[in-house]
Protein backbone atom coordinates (compact mmCIF):
# COMPACT_ATOMS: atom_id res chain seq x y z
CA MET A 1 103.65 54.78 169.03
CA GLU A 2 104.49 56.47 172.60
CA ASP A 3 103.35 55.66 175.73
CA GLY A 4 100.23 57.62 176.72
CA GLU A 5 99.35 58.33 173.16
CA PRO A 6 95.40 57.27 172.40
CA GLU A 7 95.31 54.46 169.57
CA ILE A 8 93.19 55.74 166.83
CA ASP A 9 90.55 53.45 165.35
CA LEU A 10 90.04 53.72 162.07
CA ALA A 11 87.00 51.07 161.78
CA GLU A 12 85.09 52.35 164.64
CA LEU A 13 85.93 55.68 163.58
CA TYR A 14 84.69 54.99 160.53
CA GLN A 15 81.55 53.14 161.91
CA LYS A 16 80.44 56.09 164.09
CA HIS A 17 81.20 59.04 161.92
CA PRO A 18 80.60 57.59 157.91
CA ALA A 19 79.38 60.67 155.86
CA GLU A 20 82.64 62.56 157.54
CA ILE A 21 85.03 59.97 156.60
CA LYS A 22 83.44 59.52 153.43
CA ALA A 23 83.98 63.37 152.62
CA ILE A 24 87.12 63.63 153.74
CA PHE A 25 88.77 60.44 151.96
CA PHE A 26 86.48 61.92 149.25
CA SER A 27 88.16 64.92 148.98
CA ILE A 28 92.19 64.16 149.20
CA VAL A 29 91.16 61.82 146.67
CA SER A 30 89.80 64.64 144.59
CA TYR A 31 92.78 66.70 145.29
CA PHE A 32 95.49 64.55 144.08
CA VAL A 33 93.04 63.76 141.30
CA ILE A 34 92.48 67.38 140.10
CA SER A 35 96.46 68.06 140.68
CA ASP A 36 97.45 66.13 138.47
CA LEU A 37 95.05 66.49 135.91
CA VAL A 38 94.80 70.19 135.66
CA GLY A 39 97.99 71.62 137.57
CA TRP A 40 99.23 72.94 135.10
CA MET A 41 96.50 75.79 135.29
CA TRP A 42 98.24 77.01 138.83
CA ASN A 43 101.78 76.40 136.92
CA ASP A 44 100.79 78.68 133.93
CA GLY A 45 98.88 80.92 135.78
CA THR A 46 101.70 81.90 138.66
CA GLN A 47 104.80 81.64 136.36
CA CYS A 48 105.02 85.65 136.62
CA GLY A 49 105.60 85.33 140.35
CA PHE A 50 105.25 88.14 142.86
CA TRP A 51 108.95 89.67 141.89
CA GLY A 52 109.74 88.97 138.34
CA ASN A 53 110.00 91.69 135.79
CA GLU A 54 108.42 89.51 133.09
CA ALA A 55 106.35 91.45 131.21
CA GLY A 56 102.79 90.05 129.01
CA CYS A 57 101.81 87.33 131.32
CA GLN A 58 98.33 89.18 132.79
CA GLY A 59 96.48 86.70 130.17
CA VAL A 60 97.56 83.38 132.33
CA VAL A 61 96.84 84.92 135.65
CA TRP A 62 93.20 83.64 135.80
CA LEU A 63 94.54 80.16 135.28
CA THR A 64 95.46 80.57 138.71
CA LEU A 65 91.82 82.07 140.12
CA ALA A 66 90.40 78.68 138.09
CA TYR A 67 92.36 76.25 139.11
CA VAL A 68 91.96 77.46 143.28
CA SER A 69 88.00 77.46 142.59
CA ILE A 70 88.24 73.89 141.21
CA ILE A 71 90.43 72.82 144.80
CA ALA A 72 87.74 74.82 147.08
CA VAL A 73 85.09 72.74 145.38
CA ALA A 74 87.13 69.46 145.60
CA LEU A 75 88.35 69.96 149.31
CA SER A 76 84.53 71.30 150.61
CA PRO A 77 83.55 67.97 151.69
CA GLY A 78 86.39 67.32 153.33
CA ILE A 79 86.32 70.68 155.36
CA TRP A 80 82.60 69.81 156.06
CA GLY A 81 83.65 66.39 157.42
CA GLY A 82 86.74 67.67 159.60
CA PHE A 83 84.73 70.31 161.20
CA SER A 84 81.92 68.12 161.68
CA LEU A 85 83.89 65.77 163.53
CA ALA A 86 85.87 68.52 165.44
CA THR A 87 82.62 69.91 166.96
CA LYS A 88 81.33 66.48 167.82
CA GLY A 89 83.30 66.67 170.67
CA PHE A 90 81.16 68.94 172.32
CA THR A 91 77.96 66.82 173.40
CA HIS A 92 76.34 69.59 175.54
CA VAL A 93 75.97 71.96 171.94
CA ASP A 94 72.70 71.59 170.11
CA LYS A 95 73.14 69.61 167.45
CA SER A 96 71.98 72.51 164.75
CA LYS A 97 74.55 75.44 166.45
CA ARG A 98 77.49 72.90 165.61
CA ASP A 99 76.27 71.96 162.10
CA GLU A 100 76.41 75.63 161.22
CA VAL A 101 80.36 76.04 162.66
CA ALA A 102 80.63 73.32 159.63
CA TRP A 103 79.23 75.26 157.18
CA VAL A 104 81.07 78.38 157.86
CA ALA A 105 84.19 76.61 157.25
CA VAL A 106 82.85 75.02 153.99
CA PHE A 107 82.34 78.76 152.71
CA GLY A 108 84.34 81.19 154.47
CA LEU A 109 87.28 78.86 154.22
CA GLY A 110 86.98 77.77 150.70
CA GLY A 111 85.15 80.83 149.24
CA GLY A 112 87.74 83.00 151.34
CA ALA A 113 90.35 81.11 149.27
CA ILE A 114 88.94 82.03 145.78
CA TRP A 115 88.11 85.37 147.40
CA ALA A 116 91.59 86.10 148.20
CA THR A 117 93.48 84.64 145.03
CA LEU A 118 91.37 87.54 142.85
CA TRP A 119 92.35 90.41 144.70
CA LEU A 120 95.73 89.42 146.20
CA TYR A 121 96.94 87.97 142.86
CA CYS A 122 94.67 88.36 140.04
CA LEU A 123 93.33 91.64 140.11
CA PRO A 124 97.00 93.21 140.85
CA MET A 125 98.02 91.59 138.45
CA THR A 126 95.70 92.96 135.28
CA TRP A 127 96.26 96.19 137.27
CA THR A 128 100.12 96.18 136.98
CA LEU A 129 100.53 96.12 140.60
CA LEU A 130 102.14 93.00 140.17
CA PRO A 131 104.63 91.59 139.31
CA TRP A 132 106.57 93.77 141.82
CA GLY A 133 109.91 94.36 139.76
CA PRO A 134 112.91 96.55 141.94
CA TRP A 135 112.01 98.29 144.44
CA ASP A 136 113.80 100.94 144.49
CA THR A 137 111.15 101.77 141.55
CA ASN A 138 108.10 100.45 142.45
CA TRP A 139 107.87 101.46 146.44
CA TRP A 140 104.70 103.22 145.76
CA LYS A 141 102.86 99.46 145.19
CA ILE A 142 103.00 98.83 148.55
CA PHE A 143 100.18 101.42 149.49
CA PRO A 144 97.32 99.56 147.77
CA PHE A 145 97.88 96.58 149.17
CA LEU A 146 98.52 98.27 152.65
CA PHE A 147 95.34 100.52 152.68
CA GLY A 148 92.66 98.24 150.44
CA LEU A 149 94.04 95.07 148.54
CA ILE A 150 95.50 93.05 151.67
CA TRP A 151 91.67 93.66 153.58
CA MET A 152 89.41 93.31 150.85
CA GLY A 153 91.00 89.89 149.59
CA GLY A 154 91.85 88.22 153.41
CA GLY A 155 88.60 90.06 154.95
CA PRO A 156 86.44 87.10 154.17
CA MET A 157 89.13 84.04 155.11
CA LEU A 158 89.97 86.21 158.59
CA GLY A 159 86.28 86.93 159.20
CA ALA A 160 85.58 83.38 158.91
CA ILE A 161 88.52 82.33 161.03
CA GLY A 162 87.67 84.50 163.67
CA ASP A 163 84.01 83.42 163.75
CA ILE A 164 84.70 79.64 163.94
CA ASN A 165 87.04 80.63 167.02
CA ASN A 166 84.46 82.58 168.40
CA ARG A 167 81.79 79.82 167.97
CA PHE A 168 84.51 76.95 169.25
CA GLN A 169 85.13 79.51 172.59
CA GLY A 170 81.18 79.36 173.28
CA PHE A 171 81.14 75.86 172.98
CA ALA A 172 83.50 75.47 175.74
CA GLU A 173 81.67 77.45 178.01
CA ILE A 174 78.85 75.68 177.28
CA GLU A 175 80.79 72.22 178.14
CA LYS A 176 82.29 73.60 181.16
CA GLN A 177 78.81 74.83 182.46
CA ALA A 178 76.54 71.98 181.52
CA GLU A 179 80.32 69.52 183.46
CA GLU A 180 80.00 71.62 186.33
CA PHE A 181 75.84 71.37 186.32
CA GLU A 182 76.42 67.73 186.49
CA LEU A 183 79.24 67.75 188.98
CA ASP A 184 76.42 69.86 191.03
CA PHE A 185 73.52 67.36 190.15
CA ALA A 186 75.79 64.14 191.36
CA GLU A 187 76.50 65.94 194.59
CA LYS A 188 72.78 66.95 195.22
CA LEU A 189 71.90 63.09 194.39
CA LYS A 190 73.89 61.44 196.70
CA GLN A 191 72.78 64.41 199.52
CA SER A 192 69.37 63.37 198.67
CA SER A 193 69.63 59.83 198.47
CA ALA A 194 71.19 59.65 201.67
CA GLU A 195 68.24 61.98 203.41
CA THR A 196 65.90 59.30 202.00
CA SER A 197 67.74 56.54 203.24
CA PHE A 198 67.92 58.09 206.77
CA GLU A 199 63.94 59.12 206.19
CA LYS A 200 62.90 54.69 205.58
CA THR A 201 64.89 53.74 208.46
CA SER A 202 63.20 56.27 211.00
CA PHE A 203 59.77 55.33 210.24
CA SER A 204 58.56 52.02 211.19
CA GLN A 205 55.74 51.86 208.85
CA MET A 206 56.11 51.92 204.61
CA LYS A 207 54.90 54.92 202.96
CA THR A 208 54.95 55.39 199.61
CA LEU A 209 57.13 57.56 197.78
CA GLU A 210 54.80 59.79 196.05
CA SER A 211 53.71 60.61 199.62
CA SER A 212 56.82 61.81 200.84
CA VAL A 213 57.84 64.37 197.66
CA PRO A 214 56.14 67.32 198.55
CA LYS A 215 53.20 68.66 196.01
CA PRO A 216 54.21 71.54 194.22
CA GLU A 217 51.94 74.12 196.56
CA GLN A 218 53.71 73.13 199.21
CA ILE A 219 56.89 74.54 197.85
CA SER A 220 57.36 78.05 198.08
CA PRO A 221 58.19 80.91 195.59
CA GLN A 222 61.52 81.09 196.49
CA GLU A 223 62.56 77.17 196.06
CA ARG A 224 59.57 77.04 192.39
CA TYR A 225 61.65 80.35 190.80
CA VAL A 226 64.78 81.39 190.29
CA PHE A 227 66.19 84.46 188.50
CA ALA A 228 69.05 83.83 185.83
CA PRO A 229 70.52 86.92 185.07
CA ASP A 230 72.56 86.51 182.27
CA GLU A 231 71.31 88.28 179.46
CA MET A 232 70.84 85.50 176.32
CA THR A 233 68.14 84.80 174.10
CA TRP A 234 65.36 82.95 174.29
CA ALA A 235 66.26 79.81 173.24
CA GLU A 236 69.85 80.28 175.07
CA HIS A 237 67.86 80.99 178.43
CA ASN A 238 64.96 77.83 177.54
CA GLU A 239 68.55 75.19 177.21
CA CYS A 240 70.03 76.50 180.60
CA ALA A 241 66.73 75.64 182.13
CA ILE A 242 66.02 72.45 180.70
CA ALA A 243 70.15 71.86 181.94
CA MET A 244 69.30 73.01 185.51
CA GLY A 245 65.94 70.47 185.35
CA ARG A 246 63.89 73.30 185.55
CA HIS A 247 62.11 75.50 181.91
CA LEU A 248 61.18 79.28 181.40
CA ALA A 249 58.28 80.49 183.86
CA CYS A 250 54.60 79.63 182.85
CA ILE A 251 52.33 81.46 184.63
CA THR A 252 48.35 80.13 184.64
CA SER A 253 47.61 82.48 187.45
CA ALA A 254 48.16 86.20 189.08
CA GLU A 255 49.65 84.90 192.41
CA GLU A 256 52.01 82.99 189.92
CA ASN A 257 52.72 86.68 188.05
CA GLU A 258 53.40 88.48 191.31
CA HIS A 259 55.83 85.53 192.52
CA VAL A 260 57.36 85.90 188.82
CA THR A 261 57.71 89.50 189.21
CA LYS A 262 58.76 89.68 192.85
CA ILE A 263 61.64 87.22 191.92
CA SER A 264 62.77 89.45 188.67
CA GLY A 265 63.85 92.31 190.81
CA GLY A 266 61.98 94.96 188.64
CA LYS A 267 64.10 93.90 185.56
CA PRO A 268 62.57 93.19 181.97
CA VAL A 269 63.15 88.98 182.09
CA TRP A 270 61.95 86.09 179.89
CA ILE A 271 59.02 83.87 180.46
CA GLY A 272 57.55 80.73 178.44
CA GLY A 273 55.28 81.94 176.06
CA ILE A 274 55.39 80.96 172.61
CA ARG A 275 53.17 82.17 169.93
CA LYS A 276 51.56 79.72 167.18
CA GLY A 277 51.73 80.41 163.72
CA GLY A 278 51.72 84.17 162.80
CA GLY A 279 48.81 85.56 163.48
CA ASN A 280 47.67 88.17 166.69
CA GLY A 281 45.90 87.66 169.87
CA PRO A 282 46.52 87.73 173.53
CA GLY A 283 44.91 83.88 174.27
CA ALA A 284 44.78 80.55 173.68
CA ASP A 285 44.44 80.98 170.18
CA HIS A 286 47.66 82.40 169.22
CA TRP A 287 49.93 81.42 172.44
CA TYR A 288 50.58 78.18 174.53
CA TRP A 289 53.27 77.48 177.32
CA SER A 290 57.04 75.89 176.99
CA ASP A 291 56.12 73.18 179.43
CA GLY A 292 52.75 72.58 178.15
CA ARG A 293 50.23 74.02 180.86
CA PRO A 294 46.83 75.62 179.36
CA TRP A 295 46.93 78.86 178.31
CA SER A 296 44.35 80.44 181.05
CA TYR A 297 45.88 83.29 182.40
CA THR A 298 47.03 86.63 180.83
CA ASN A 299 48.28 90.05 181.83
CA TRP A 300 49.74 91.67 178.76
CA HIS A 301 50.45 95.56 178.85
CA PRO A 302 47.32 97.57 176.87
CA GLY A 303 47.87 97.44 173.75
CA GLU A 304 50.35 94.31 173.34
CA PRO A 305 50.36 91.72 172.30
CA ASN A 306 51.17 93.41 168.59
CA ASN A 307 53.45 90.85 166.89
CA TRP A 308 55.44 94.24 165.66
CA GLY A 309 57.07 93.08 162.25
CA GLY A 310 55.47 90.22 162.29
CA GLY A 311 58.43 88.48 164.20
CA GLU A 312 57.53 88.48 167.98
CA ASN A 313 57.09 85.59 168.71
CA ARG A 314 57.75 85.30 172.34
CA VAL A 315 56.95 86.98 175.63
CA HIS A 316 58.76 88.86 178.48
CA LEU A 317 57.76 89.84 181.52
CA GLY A 318 57.98 93.54 182.76
CA LEU A 319 59.09 95.72 179.83
CA GLN A 320 56.58 98.76 180.19
CA ALA A 321 55.17 97.91 183.82
CA PRO A 322 56.11 95.71 186.41
CA GLY A 323 54.26 93.05 185.79
CA THR A 324 52.62 93.19 182.53
CA TRP A 325 54.01 90.76 179.40
CA ASN A 326 55.05 91.93 175.79
CA ASP A 327 55.65 90.12 172.54
CA VAL A 328 59.10 90.28 171.56
CA GLY A 329 61.22 88.66 169.12
CA GLU A 330 63.22 85.93 170.70
CA GLY A 331 66.66 87.16 169.67
CA TRP A 332 66.03 89.71 172.00
CA ARG A 333 68.46 89.33 174.66
CA GLY A 334 67.44 89.70 178.95
CA PRO A 335 67.89 87.80 181.90
CA ALA A 336 64.82 85.29 182.78
CA VAL A 337 63.30 83.46 185.17
CA TYR A 338 63.27 79.47 185.39
CA GLN A 339 60.47 77.33 187.51
CA MET A 340 61.06 74.00 188.62
CA PRO A 341 58.47 71.59 186.74
CA GLU A 342 54.88 71.15 188.21
CA ALA A 343 55.29 67.20 188.17
CA ALA A 344 58.21 66.78 190.75
CA SER A 345 60.91 64.20 190.40
CA THR A 346 60.54 61.23 191.80
CA GLU A 347 62.84 57.77 192.14
CA SER A 348 60.53 56.11 189.97
CA ASN A 349 60.27 58.77 187.63
CA PRO A 350 63.98 60.66 187.62
CA PRO A 351 64.80 63.89 185.55
CA GLN A 352 65.65 63.65 182.05
CA PHE A 353 67.86 66.36 180.63
CA THR A 354 68.15 66.94 177.59
CA SER A 355 69.19 70.37 175.16
CA ILE A 356 72.48 70.99 176.11
CA LEU A 357 73.15 68.09 178.06
CA GLY A 358 72.16 65.91 175.57
CA ASP A 359 69.99 62.62 175.80
CA MET A 360 71.03 61.39 179.01
CA ASP A 361 69.49 60.25 182.35
CA ILE A 362 71.77 61.76 185.08
CA HIS A 363 69.68 60.79 187.49
CA GLU A 364 71.01 56.73 186.42
CA ARG A 365 74.63 57.98 185.97
CA TYR A 366 75.42 58.96 189.23
CA LYS A 367 72.63 57.35 191.56
CA GLU A 368 75.49 54.72 192.06
């Protein structure tokens, strides 16, 4: 092994990821066993080839499809295991989103291979588009492939590859943002520790830590709220807010509603309201705030909430008129207003960050 190359400890890898390693091993063994037992299906199914002149071999081409289908099923656990391992490196991404990539790969790549075999080999053989034969008399066959069969056969697999690539790029961006946040948080924590140390040496009398932390009502609205301009879904904004040590704005008074309206700058924004169940109504029987505070104040626009289509399970502010609320599906993409938690963080109760930052105590990690 060359210097600088990381040594892979297979025993440790298996201990950390037993399901994925078992799946990959199963698929490798299955591939060799199946190839040995039914490899003749591939040989017989492809004996005509793409370029030969043999006639009367259309009947055996379906053996090719059967062989590819069996192999695709056998390799599916390994595909799942490989992509599951690959996505585990994105530690700040929600697990459900990482799992989606593995299943897209299983159905998109395995199913795509079966589909491509059908449209690019079996059906062309049946339709006498293959084998190709001499170019001077069969040049016209290129057009059905160029304008139909290639896209029909290769489309699903290419689409799956593109989807997986886009997801990985999105995960990488989340990782980048989370790492930038961690660095920024660490720097601010150092500054905060330095300020706290200065305060302790500046007073002769002992003061409790709680008395030195400003109460929520002492924090200005500009410090308590922040406008997040990125157009994202409710869940995506919720993850980002948690990563910042905040949450989506939860409104319990007309004063708070006015502050959020001013911060939003006249744009419709996500706030932290969540519907209970599938019923409809404006009060606490049907809604709650994501931070757990009581649903004691509302400012619904006239006629809202209406749960149009039965899927409007979140709340945004300022769509129909400044400051009024509307229920909307959580897939709507727009900006949001984040809010500092009511309970200010202290050294005795440091912030715990979850979701896209994973389960970690950043305060303990960086306070040194």
